[in-house]
PDB file of all heavy atoms in Angstrom:
ATOM      1  N   HIS A   1      -0.931   3.622 -24.937  1.00  0.00           N
ATOM      2  CA  HIS A   1      -1.456   2.824 -26.044  1.00  0.00           C
ATOM      3  C   HIS A   1      -1.721   1.372 -25.621  1.00  0.00           C
ATOM      4  O   HIS A   1      -1.841   0.483 -26.472  1.00  0.00           O
ATOM      5  CB  HIS A   1      -0.478   2.867 -27.225  1.00  0.00           C
ATOM      6  CG  HIS A   1      -0.371   4.233 -27.851  1.00  0.00           C
ATOM      7  ND1 HIS A   1       0.583   5.147 -27.476  1.00  0.00           N
ATOM      8  CD2 HIS A   1      -1.123   4.846 -28.801  1.00  0.00           C
ATOM      9  CE1 HIS A   1       0.439   6.265 -28.183  1.00  0.00           C
ATOM     10  NE2 HIS A   1      -0.588   6.099 -29.000  1.00  0.00           N
ATOM     11  N   ASN A   2      -1.820   1.155 -24.318  1.00  0.00           N
ATOM     12  CA  ASN A   2      -2.159  -0.168 -23.761  1.00  0.00           C
ATOM     13  C   ASN A   2      -1.159  -1.252 -24.158  1.00  0.00           C
ATOM     14  O   ASN A   2      -1.528  -2.409 -24.367  1.00  0.00           O
ATOM     15  CB  ASN A   2      -3.575  -0.584 -24.185  1.00  0.00           C
ATOM     16  CG  ASN A   2      -4.631   0.371 -23.657  1.00  0.00           C
ATOM     17  OD1 ASN A   2      -4.643   0.694 -22.477  1.00  0.00           O
ATOM     18  ND2 ASN A   2      -5.512   0.836 -24.539  1.00  0.00           N
ATOM     19  N   LEU A   3       0.099  -0.857 -24.237  1.00  0.00           N
ATOM     20  CA  LEU A   3       1.141  -1.802 -24.633  1.00  0.00           C
ATOM     21  C   LEU A   3       2.031  -2.227 -23.470  1.00  0.00           C
ATOM     22  O   LEU A   3       3.017  -2.949 -23.675  1.00  0.00           O
ATOM     23  CB  LEU A   3       1.998  -1.197 -25.756  1.00  0.00           C
ATOM     24  CG  LEU A   3       1.281  -1.078 -27.113  1.00  0.00           C
ATOM     25  CD1 LEU A   3       2.033  -0.152 -28.055  1.00  0.00           C
ATOM     26  CD2 LEU A   3       1.098  -2.464 -27.746  1.00  0.00           C
ATOM     27  N   LEU A   4       1.697  -1.806 -22.262  1.00  0.00           N
ATOM     28  CA  LEU A   4       2.420  -2.255 -21.075  1.00  0.00           C
ATOM     29  C   LEU A   4       1.492  -3.134 -20.250  1.00  0.00           C
ATOM     30  O   LEU A   4       0.574  -2.640 -19.593  1.00  0.00           O
ATOM     31  CB  LEU A   4       2.910  -1.074 -20.230  1.00  0.00           C
ATOM     32  CG  LEU A   4       4.064  -0.239 -20.786  1.00  0.00           C
ATOM     33  CD1 LEU A   4       4.497   0.803 -19.772  1.00  0.00           C
ATOM     34  CD2 LEU A   4       5.253  -1.108 -21.194  1.00  0.00           C
ATOM     35  N   THR A   5       1.713  -4.437 -20.311  1.00  0.00           N
ATOM     36  CA  THR A   5       0.899  -5.395 -19.573  1.00  0.00           C
ATOM     37  C   THR A   5       1.827  -6.399 -18.893  1.00  0.00           C
ATOM     38  O   THR A   5       3.055  -6.336 -19.052  1.00  0.00           O
ATOM     39  CB  THR A   5      -0.060  -6.166 -20.510  1.00  0.00           C
ATOM     40  OG1 THR A   5       0.699  -7.148 -21.257  1.00  0.00           O
ATOM     41  CG2 THR A   5      -0.757  -5.228 -21.493  1.00  0.00           C
ATOM     42  N   ASP A   6       1.239  -7.347 -18.177  1.00  0.00           N
ATOM     43  CA  ASP A   6       2.074  -8.362 -17.534  1.00  0.00           C
ATOM     44  C   ASP A   6       2.562  -9.409 -18.525  1.00  0.00           C
ATOM     45  O   ASP A   6       3.229 -10.371 -18.138  1.00  0.00           O
ATOM     46  CB  ASP A   6       1.330  -9.023 -16.372  1.00  0.00           C
ATOM     47  CG  ASP A   6       0.056  -9.737 -16.797  1.00  0.00           C
ATOM     48  OD1 ASP A   6      -0.266  -9.731 -18.000  1.00  0.00           O
ATOM     49  OD2 ASP A   6      -0.619 -10.300 -15.916  1.00  0.00           O
ATOM     50  N   LYS A   7       2.258  -9.216 -19.820  1.00  0.00           N
ATOM     51  CA  LYS A   7       2.796 -10.084 -20.870  1.00  0.00           C
ATOM     52  C   LYS A   7       3.646  -9.284 -21.863  1.00  0.00           C
ATOM     53  O   LYS A   7       3.856  -9.700 -22.985  1.00  0.00           O
ATOM     54  CB  LYS A   7       1.669 -10.814 -21.600  1.00  0.00           C
ATOM     55  CG  LYS A   7       0.889 -11.766 -20.689  1.00  0.00           C
ATOM     56  CD  LYS A   7      -0.280 -12.418 -21.393  1.00  0.00           C
ATOM     57  CE  LYS A   7       0.166 -13.556 -22.271  1.00  0.00           C
ATOM     58  NZ  LYS A   7      -0.983 -14.341 -22.809  1.00  0.00           N
ATOM     59  N   THR A   8       4.136  -8.123 -21.399  1.00  0.00           N
ATOM     60  CA  THR A   8       4.985  -7.267 -22.230  1.00  0.00           C
ATOM     61  C   THR A   8       6.448  -7.438 -21.843  1.00  0.00           C
ATOM     62  O   THR A   8       6.786  -7.461 -20.659  1.00  0.00           O
ATOM     63  CB  THR A   8       4.606  -5.783 -22.046  1.00  0.00           C
ATOM     64  OG1 THR A   8       3.297  -5.552 -22.544  1.00  0.00           O
ATOM     65  CG2 THR A   8       5.591  -4.873 -22.781  1.00  0.00           C
ATOM     66  N   VAL A   9       7.321  -7.540 -22.857  1.00  0.00           N
ATOM     67  CA  VAL A   9       8.757  -7.488 -22.624  1.00  0.00           C
ATOM     68  C   VAL A   9       9.343  -6.413 -23.523  1.00  0.00           C
ATOM     69  O   VAL A   9       9.120  -6.411 -24.735  1.00  0.00           O
ATOM     70  CB  VAL A   9       9.430  -8.864 -22.857  1.00  0.00           C
ATOM     71  CG1 VAL A   9       9.176  -9.400 -24.265  1.00  0.00           C
ATOM     72  CG2 VAL A   9      10.925  -8.782 -22.580  1.00  0.00           C
ATOM     73  N   MET A  10      10.056  -5.472 -22.907  1.00  0.00           N
ATOM     74  CA  MET A  10      10.688  -4.372 -23.622  1.00  0.00           C
ATOM     75  C   MET A  10      12.206  -4.529 -23.558  1.00  0.00           C
ATOM     76  O   MET A  10      12.765  -4.720 -22.470  1.00  0.00           O
ATOM     77  CB  MET A  10      10.288  -3.028 -22.995  1.00  0.00           C
ATOM     78  CG  MET A  10       8.835  -2.660 -23.215  1.00  0.00           C
ATOM     79  SD  MET A  10       8.598  -2.022 -24.900  1.00  0.00           S
ATOM     80  CE  MET A  10       6.799  -1.899 -24.955  1.00  0.00           C
ATOM     81  N   ALA A  11      12.845  -4.454 -24.707  1.00  0.00           N
ATOM     82  CA  ALA A  11      14.293  -4.615 -24.757  1.00  0.00           C
ATOM     83  C   ALA A  11      15.016  -3.335 -24.380  1.00  0.00           C
ATOM     84  O   ALA A  11      14.582  -2.237 -24.722  1.00  0.00           O
ATOM     85  CB  ALA A  11      14.723  -5.054 -26.158  1.00  0.00           C
ATOM     86  N   HIS A  12      16.113  -3.503 -23.679  1.00  0.00           N
ATOM     87  CA  HIS A  12      17.102  -2.479 -23.348  1.00  0.00           C
ATOM     88  C   HIS A  12      16.761  -1.691 -22.089  1.00  0.00           C
ATOM     89  O   HIS A  12      17.193  -2.047 -21.006  1.00  0.00           O
ATOM     90  CB  HIS A  12      17.373  -1.561 -24.538  1.00  0.00           C
ATOM     91  CG  HIS A  12      17.806  -2.302 -25.748  1.00  0.00           C
ATOM     92  ND1 HIS A  12      19.008  -2.968 -25.817  1.00  0.00           N
ATOM     93  CD2 HIS A  12      17.180  -2.541 -26.928  1.00  0.00           C
ATOM     94  CE1 HIS A  12      19.119  -3.573 -26.988  1.00  0.00           C
ATOM     95  NE2 HIS A  12      18.014  -3.338 -27.676  1.00  0.00           N
ATOM     96  N   GLY A  13      16.078  -0.562 -22.201  1.00  0.00           N
ATOM     97  CA  GLY A  13      15.748   0.238 -21.021  1.00  0.00           C
ATOM     98  C   GLY A  13      16.947   0.882 -20.360  1.00  0.00           C
ATOM     99  O   GLY A  13      16.911   1.205 -19.169  1.00  0.00           O
ATOM    100  N   CYS A  14      18.013   1.114 -21.120  1.00  0.00           N
ATOM    101  CA  CYS A  14      19.252   1.654 -20.536  1.00  0.00           C
ATOM    102  C   CYS A  14      19.056   3.004 -19.864  1.00  0.00           C
ATOM    103  O   CYS A  14      19.758   3.338 -18.902  1.00  0.00           O
ATOM    104  CB  CYS A  14      20.323   1.806 -21.623  1.00  0.00           C
ATOM    105  SG  CYS A  14      20.814   0.281 -22.409  1.00  0.00           S
ATOM    106  N   HIS A  15      18.104   3.800 -20.369  1.00  0.00           N
ATOM    107  CA  HIS A  15      17.974   5.182 -19.914  1.00  0.00           C
ATOM    108  C   HIS A  15      16.610   5.457 -19.284  1.00  0.00           C
ATOM    109  O   HIS A  15      16.118   6.593 -19.316  1.00  0.00           O
ATOM    110  CB  HIS A  15      18.248   6.123 -21.086  1.00  0.00           C
ATOM    111  CG  HIS A  15      19.566   5.854 -21.759  1.00  0.00           C
ATOM    112  ND1 HIS A  15      20.776   6.192 -21.196  1.00  0.00           N
ATOM    113  CD2 HIS A  15      19.867   5.206 -22.921  1.00  0.00           C
ATOM    114  CE1 HIS A  15      21.762   5.798 -21.989  1.00  0.00           C
ATOM    115  NE2 HIS A  15      21.234   5.197 -23.048  1.00  0.00           N
ATOM    116  N   LEU A  16      15.999   4.448 -18.699  1.00  0.00           N
ATOM    117  CA  LEU A  16      14.730   4.631 -18.010  1.00  0.00           C
ATOM    118  C   LEU A  16      14.953   5.326 -16.668  1.00  0.00           C
ATOM    119  O   LEU A  16      15.917   5.045 -15.953  1.00  0.00           O
ATOM    120  CB  LEU A  16      14.055   3.279 -17.767  1.00  0.00           C
ATOM    121  CG  LEU A  16      13.547   2.520 -18.995  1.00  0.00           C
ATOM    122  CD1 LEU A  16      13.070   1.128 -18.588  1.00  0.00           C
ATOM    123  CD2 LEU A  16      12.422   3.281 -19.679  1.00  0.00           C
ATOM    124  N   SER A  17      14.027   6.192 -16.316  1.00  0.00           N
ATOM    125  CA  SER A  17      14.082   6.846 -15.008  1.00  0.00           C
ATOM    126  C   SER A  17      13.496   5.932 -13.938  1.00  0.00           C
ATOM    127  O   SER A  17      12.832   4.933 -14.241  1.00  0.00           O
ATOM    128  CB  SER A  17      13.281   8.154 -15.048  1.00  0.00           C
ATOM    129  OG  SER A  17      11.896   7.869 -15.232  1.00  0.00           O
ATOM    130  N   ASP A  18      13.728   6.277 -12.683  1.00  0.00           N
ATOM    131  CA  ASP A  18      13.133   5.507 -11.596  1.00  0.00           C
ATOM    132  C   ASP A  18      11.612   5.543 -11.664  1.00  0.00           C
ATOM    133  O   ASP A  18      10.940   4.552 -11.349  1.00  0.00           O
ATOM    134  CB  ASP A  18      13.603   6.045 -10.244  1.00  0.00           C
ATOM    135  CG  ASP A  18      15.055   5.683  -9.945  1.00  0.00           C
ATOM    136  OD1 ASP A  18      15.621   4.835 -10.667  1.00  0.00           O
ATOM    137  OD2 ASP A  18      15.622   6.240  -8.987  1.00  0.00           O
ATOM    138  N   GLU A  19      11.061   6.673 -12.086  1.00  0.00           N
ATOM    139  CA  GLU A  19       9.605   6.789 -12.214  1.00  0.00           C
ATOM    140  C   GLU A  19       9.082   5.835 -13.280  1.00  0.00           C
ATOM    141  O   GLU A  19       8.016   5.211 -13.115  1.00  0.00           O
ATOM    142  CB  GLU A  19       9.219   8.225 -12.556  1.00  0.00           C
ATOM    143  CG  GLU A  19       9.440   9.245 -11.454  1.00  0.00           C
ATOM    144  CD  GLU A  19      10.898   9.649 -11.280  1.00  0.00           C
ATOM    145  OE1 GLU A  19      11.723   9.360 -12.183  1.00  0.00           O
ATOM    146  OE2 GLU A  19      11.226  10.255 -10.235  1.00  0.00           O
ATOM    147  N   GLU A  20       9.826   5.693 -14.368  1.00  0.00           N
ATOM    148  CA  GLU A  20       9.411   4.762 -15.420  1.00  0.00           C
ATOM    149  C   GLU A  20       9.506   3.316 -14.946  1.00  0.00           C
ATOM    150  O   GLU A  20       8.644   2.483 -15.257  1.00  0.00           O
ATOM    151  CB  GLU A  20      10.275   4.975 -16.669  1.00  0.00           C
ATOM    152  CG  GLU A  20       9.960   6.271 -17.405  1.00  0.00           C
ATOM    153  CD  GLU A  20      10.885   6.493 -18.588  1.00  0.00           C
ATOM    154  OE1 GLU A  20      12.043   6.913 -18.366  1.00  0.00           O
ATOM    155  OE2 GLU A  20      10.465   6.225 -19.727  1.00  0.00           O
ATOM    156  N   LEU A  21      10.541   2.995 -14.183  1.00  0.00           N
ATOM    157  CA  LEU A  21      10.661   1.643 -13.648  1.00  0.00           C
ATOM    158  C   LEU A  21       9.502   1.322 -12.714  1.00  0.00           C
ATOM    159  O   LEU A  21       9.021   0.178 -12.670  1.00  0.00           O
ATOM    160  CB  LEU A  21      11.992   1.480 -12.918  1.00  0.00           C
ATOM    161  CG  LEU A  21      13.242   1.429 -13.804  1.00  0.00           C
ATOM    162  CD1 LEU A  21      14.506   1.426 -12.961  1.00  0.00           C
ATOM    163  CD2 LEU A  21      13.213   0.198 -14.713  1.00  0.00           C
ATOM    164  N   THR A  22       9.034   2.327 -11.999  1.00  0.00           N
ATOM    165  CA  THR A  22       7.868   2.123 -11.135  1.00  0.00           C
ATOM    166  C   THR A  22       6.641   1.753 -11.966  1.00  0.00           C
ATOM    167  O   THR A  22       5.849   0.886 -11.582  1.00  0.00           O
ATOM    168  CB  THR A  22       7.586   3.389 -10.303  1.00  0.00           C
ATOM    169  OG1 THR A  22       8.709   3.638  -9.449  1.00  0.00           O
ATOM    170  CG2 THR A  22       6.345   3.214  -9.443  1.00  0.00           C
ATOM    171  N   VAL A  23       6.485   2.395 -13.126  1.00  0.00           N
ATOM    172  CA  VAL A  23       5.368   2.064 -14.018  1.00  0.00           C
ATOM    173  C   VAL A  23       5.498   0.621 -14.504  1.00  0.00           C
ATOM    174  O   VAL A  23       4.504  -0.111 -14.591  1.00  0.00           O
ATOM    175  CB  VAL A  23       5.296   3.046 -15.203  1.00  0.00           C
ATOM    176  CG1 VAL A  23       4.228   2.621 -16.208  1.00  0.00           C
ATOM    177  CG2 VAL A  23       5.006   4.465 -14.702  1.00  0.00           C
ATOM    178  N   PHE A  24       6.720   0.216 -14.826  1.00  0.00           N
ATOM    179  CA  PHE A  24       6.936  -1.174 -15.242  1.00  0.00           C
ATOM    180  C   PHE A  24       6.486  -2.137 -14.152  1.00  0.00           C
ATOM    181  O   PHE A  24       5.798  -3.128 -14.422  1.00  0.00           O
ATOM    182  CB  PHE A  24       8.421  -1.407 -15.583  1.00  0.00           C
ATOM    183  CG  PHE A  24       8.752  -1.211 -17.029  1.00  0.00           C
ATOM    184  CD1 PHE A  24       8.817   0.059 -17.586  1.00  0.00           C
ATOM    185  CD2 PHE A  24       8.994  -2.296 -17.850  1.00  0.00           C
ATOM    186  CE1 PHE A  24       9.117   0.249 -18.924  1.00  0.00           C
ATOM    187  CE2 PHE A  24       9.293  -2.124 -19.202  1.00  0.00           C
ATOM    188  CZ  PHE A  24       9.346  -0.847 -19.743  1.00  0.00           C
ATOM    189  N   ARG A  25       6.881  -1.851 -12.922  1.00  0.00           N
ATOM    190  CA  ARG A  25       6.487  -2.744 -11.836  1.00  0.00           C
ATOM    191  C   ARG A  25       4.967  -2.763 -11.664  1.00  0.00           C
ATOM    192  O   ARG A  25       4.364  -3.828 -11.506  1.00  0.00           O
ATOM    193  CB  ARG A  25       7.138  -2.315 -10.516  1.00  0.00           C
ATOM    194  CG  ARG A  25       6.819  -3.276  -9.372  1.00  0.00           C
ATOM    195  CD  ARG A  25       7.400  -2.835  -8.047  1.00  0.00           C
ATOM    196  NE  ARG A  25       6.736  -1.644  -7.538  1.00  0.00           N
ATOM    197  CZ  ARG A  25       7.320  -0.465  -7.341  1.00  0.00           C
ATOM    198  NH1 ARG A  25       8.601  -0.319  -7.632  1.00  0.00           N
ATOM    199  NH2 ARG A  25       6.642   0.550  -6.861  1.00  0.00           N
ATOM    200  N   GLU A  26       4.349  -1.607 -11.724  1.00  0.00           N
ATOM    201  CA  GLU A  26       2.906  -1.516 -11.493  1.00  0.00           C
ATOM    202  C   GLU A  26       2.100  -2.206 -12.593  1.00  0.00           C
ATOM    203  O   GLU A  26       1.036  -2.762 -12.324  1.00  0.00           O
ATOM    204  CB  GLU A  26       2.493  -0.050 -11.373  1.00  0.00           C
ATOM    205  CG  GLU A  26       3.009   0.631 -10.112  1.00  0.00           C
ATOM    206  CD  GLU A  26       2.752   2.125 -10.080  1.00  0.00           C
ATOM    207  OE1 GLU A  26       2.363   2.699 -11.142  1.00  0.00           O
ATOM    208  OE2 GLU A  26       2.934   2.733  -9.018  1.00  0.00           O
ATOM    209  N   THR A  27       2.598  -2.164 -13.823  1.00  0.00           N
ATOM    210  CA  THR A  27       1.872  -2.796 -14.936  1.00  0.00           C
ATOM    211  C   THR A  27       2.233  -4.271 -15.102  1.00  0.00           C
ATOM    212  O   THR A  27       1.552  -4.993 -15.826  1.00  0.00           O
ATOM    213  CB  THR A  27       2.162  -2.073 -16.260  1.00  0.00           C
ATOM    214  OG1 THR A  27       3.576  -2.081 -16.502  1.00  0.00           O
ATOM    215  CG2 THR A  27       1.658  -0.636 -16.220  1.00  0.00           C
ATOM    216  N   GLY A  28       3.317  -4.694 -14.460  1.00  0.00           N
ATOM    217  CA  GLY A  28       3.783  -6.070 -14.614  1.00  0.00           C
ATOM    218  C   GLY A  28       4.636  -6.290 -15.843  1.00  0.00           C
ATOM    219  O   GLY A  28       5.013  -7.421 -16.150  1.00  0.00           O
ATOM    220  N   ALA A  29       4.945  -5.219 -16.572  1.00  0.00           N
ATOM    221  CA  ALA A  29       5.783  -5.336 -17.762  1.00  0.00           C
ATOM    222  C   ALA A  29       7.224  -5.648 -17.357  1.00  0.00           C
ATOM    223  O   ALA A  29       7.655  -5.355 -16.243  1.00  0.00           O
ATOM    224  CB  ALA A  29       5.731  -4.054 -18.580  1.00  0.00           C
ATOM    225  N   SER A  30       7.968  -6.253 -18.281  1.00  0.00           N
ATOM    226  CA  SER A  30       9.333  -6.688 -17.981  1.00  0.00           C
ATOM    227  C   SER A  30      10.336  -6.052 -18.928  1.00  0.00           C
ATOM    228  O   SER A  30       9.980  -5.479 -19.963  1.00  0.00           O
ATOM    229  CB  SER A  30       9.431  -8.206 -18.072  1.00  0.00           C
ATOM    230  OG  SER A  30       9.202  -8.642 -19.400  1.00  0.00           O
ATOM    231  N   LEU A  31      11.607  -6.193 -18.566  1.00  0.00           N
ATOM    232  CA  LEU A  31      12.712  -5.719 -19.396  1.00  0.00           C
ATOM    233  C   LEU A  31      13.580  -6.885 -19.836  1.00  0.00           C
ATOM    234  O   LEU A  31      13.743  -7.866 -19.104  1.00  0.00           O
ATOM    235  CB  LEU A  31      13.581  -4.724 -18.626  1.00  0.00           C
ATOM    236  CG  LEU A  31      13.035  -3.305 -18.454  1.00  0.00           C
ATOM    237  CD1 LEU A  31      13.951  -2.506 -17.521  1.00  0.00           C
ATOM    238  CD2 LEU A  31      12.911  -2.598 -19.793  1.00  0.00           C
TER     239      LEU A  31
END
C-alpha cells in the first residue's frame, strides 16, 4: 500500500522476521 518509505517510522516490530527487516532496510523505513 506504498506505506514503507524512507520517511516511514513503524512502532514496535517485536516479531518481525529477518526477511521483513531486509524489506525495511531496502525501503529506508525505520523502527
